[in-house]
Amino acid sequence: MVLQYKLKGETRWKKYPGKDKMKVPVSKCDFRLLNESKTKVLVEKGSYGKVMKRFRQIEFFKHKG
């Protein structure tokens, strides 16, 4: 899965580099989650916490077996 972010006022999505490498706090950004080939949006625009919660749910059920 691919996590992307953008500042709340911008229109262009960027690849998420990691929380420690971001120059702005995550509270000032919108996030979204896409599948690996970037053809389908798994989680629409939302906060970091909301998107990461859904990411963990998807990972859990993927490995549940």
Protein backbone atom coordinates (compact mmCIF):
# COMPACT_ATOMS: atom_id res chain seq x y z
CA MET A 1 0.00 0.00 0.00
CA VAL A 2 1.08 3.55 -0.67
CA LEU A 3 0.56 6.40 1.78
CA GLN A 4 0.37 9.89 0.27
CA TYR A 5 0.04 13.32 1.86
CA LYS A 6 -0.56 16.95 0.94
CA LEU A 7 -0.82 20.21 2.83
CA LYS A 8 -4.45 21.13 3.45
CA GLY A 9 -4.39 24.03 0.96
CA GLU A 10 -2.59 22.21 -1.85
CA THR A 11 -3.98 20.00 -4.61
CA ARG A 12 -1.04 17.75 -5.46
CA TRP A 13 -0.44 14.52 -3.52
CA LYS A 14 3.14 13.50 -2.58
CA LYS A 15 4.62 10.21 -1.40
CA TYR A 16 4.84 10.11 2.40
CA PRO A 17 8.51 10.05 3.45
CA GLY A 18 7.93 9.14 7.10
CA LYS A 19 6.88 11.07 10.18
CA ASP A 20 10.43 11.96 11.23
CA LYS A 21 11.40 13.35 7.79
CA MET A 22 8.43 15.70 7.35
CA LYS A 23 9.12 19.42 7.71
CA VAL A 24 5.53 20.25 8.76
CA PRO A 25 3.45 18.58 11.50
CA VAL A 26 1.06 15.85 10.38
CA SER A 27 -1.88 17.84 11.80
CA LYS A 28 -1.48 20.34 8.92
CA CYS A 29 -1.71 17.65 6.23
CA ASP A 30 -4.31 15.40 4.63
CA PHE A 31 -3.50 11.76 3.98
CA ARG A 32 -4.82 8.99 1.73
CA LEU A 33 -4.04 5.34 1.15
CA LEU A 34 -3.76 3.67 -2.27
CA ASN A 35 -3.12 0.12 -3.41
CA GLU A 36 0.43 -0.79 -4.48
CA SER A 37 -0.14 -0.02 -8.18
CA LYS A 38 -1.83 3.31 -7.30
CA THR A 39 -4.97 2.43 -9.29
CA LYS A 40 -7.45 2.33 -6.41
CA VAL A 41 -7.91 4.65 -3.44
CA LEU A 42 -8.37 2.50 -0.33
CA VAL A 43 -8.92 5.40 2.09
CA GLU A 44 -10.13 8.80 0.94
CA LYS A 45 -8.65 12.03 2.29
CA GLY A 46 -8.47 12.06 6.08
CA SER A 47 -6.31 12.68 9.13
CA TYR A 48 -3.13 10.72 9.83
CA GLY A 49 -4.75 8.82 12.69
CA LYS A 50 -7.82 7.84 10.68
CA VAL A 51 -5.81 6.65 7.68
CA MET A 52 -3.30 4.70 9.80
CA LYS A 53 -6.12 3.02 11.73
CA ARG A 54 -7.60 1.73 8.46
CA PHE A 55 -4.10 0.72 7.25
CA ARG A 56 -3.64 -1.45 10.35
CA GLN A 57 -7.10 -3.03 9.85
CA ILE A 58 -6.29 -3.95 6.25
CA GLU A 59 -2.91 -5.43 7.27
CA PHE A 60 -4.51 -7.45 10.06
CA PHE A 61 -7.10 -9.07 7.81
CA LYS A 62 -4.58 -9.62 5.02
CA HIS A 63 -2.41 -11.74 7.34
CA LYS A 64 -5.23 -13.35 9.33
CA GLY A 65 -5.27 -16.20 6.94
